[in-house]
């Protein structure tokens, strides 16, 4: 085992939380149970990593085994990476029988033809997910094991989840290899990104159910009141309004937790609504803009707007239907007004 592989294994072990090192090494399966018994897992992580590396040297570990340990780590901790969703398309309705061996062969051949110095590793999981790890090199340099791309592809679906390396120039090669290997015709990014891979899967696989807005707030009705009970009326109306907001919010967003989405983007093309005396209303050229939302937990943030008094309830359908629109690339063409969201100033 060369020193590059040894150092990579050591750094991978150092990333693993102390209480999970032994379990993850057992899942890896490269070291025998007898060998693992010789490791003192109660010492410092640095000492543990060096003992593990020595055992790997005794077993003549190569980069393939080191990459497998890295895949296992990323599978357990996918939130350490930023994931983007891509959708592949066919020209017709034809369906193909998925052959995993053929997929691997085509994928590797496509990438290795385009770029000589590249290492590719696969691991299949029970939910029909194929995890692919790609370490990129250059025509003159060996693959950099610390700048890797990850792909999670569920067979028999058009969706691919990609965590690209910092080398953005490799992304077109990766997408071409996916299209060829899976027998699709093209691939498009869905403008849907998050650290939470499972939430992205919930959205595109429609495992997240949400009630969409089908009603509008009713106007307040005037009532005859006397001066002595005005305070009680205000208190009661405030209480009723808070209850209404909570009820509407629950009906729109549901009772369960929201998928953890961190980024959403709308492309809007709209016409102005303004005072007839202003010249801007006569402009025929549509107004185009790009609206971006970002948050550590975007959907939960939107859900909390109305109860916090920062927005009217119910929220605009443009906001509450984000999980549904995510499957349509967030390309919304709204022609009835400039972004009719219900935001108000805090």
Foldseek 3Di string as FASTA:
>chain_A
DDPVLLVLQLVLQVVDPLVCSLVLVVVLVLDDPVLSVVADSPDDSNSNSVSVSVRCVVVVDDVQSSVSSVLSVCVVQLLVFKKFKKFFAAPDDDDDDDDPVLLVVLLVVLLCVVAVAKDWYWDADDQQWIKIKMFDDHNVGHGDPVFIKIWIDRPPGRMIMIGHGPPVVCVVSNQVSNCRSNVTDHMDTLQFMASDPVLLCCLQVVVADFAADDDDDDDDDDDDDDPVCPVVVVVVVVVVQLVVQVVLLCRGGNDDDHRQTFKAKEWEWEAADDDPVDPSNVDPHTDIDMDMGGDRGQLVVQSCCCSVPQFPPPWDSLRSCRSVCSNVSNYDYDYPHDPPTGGDHD
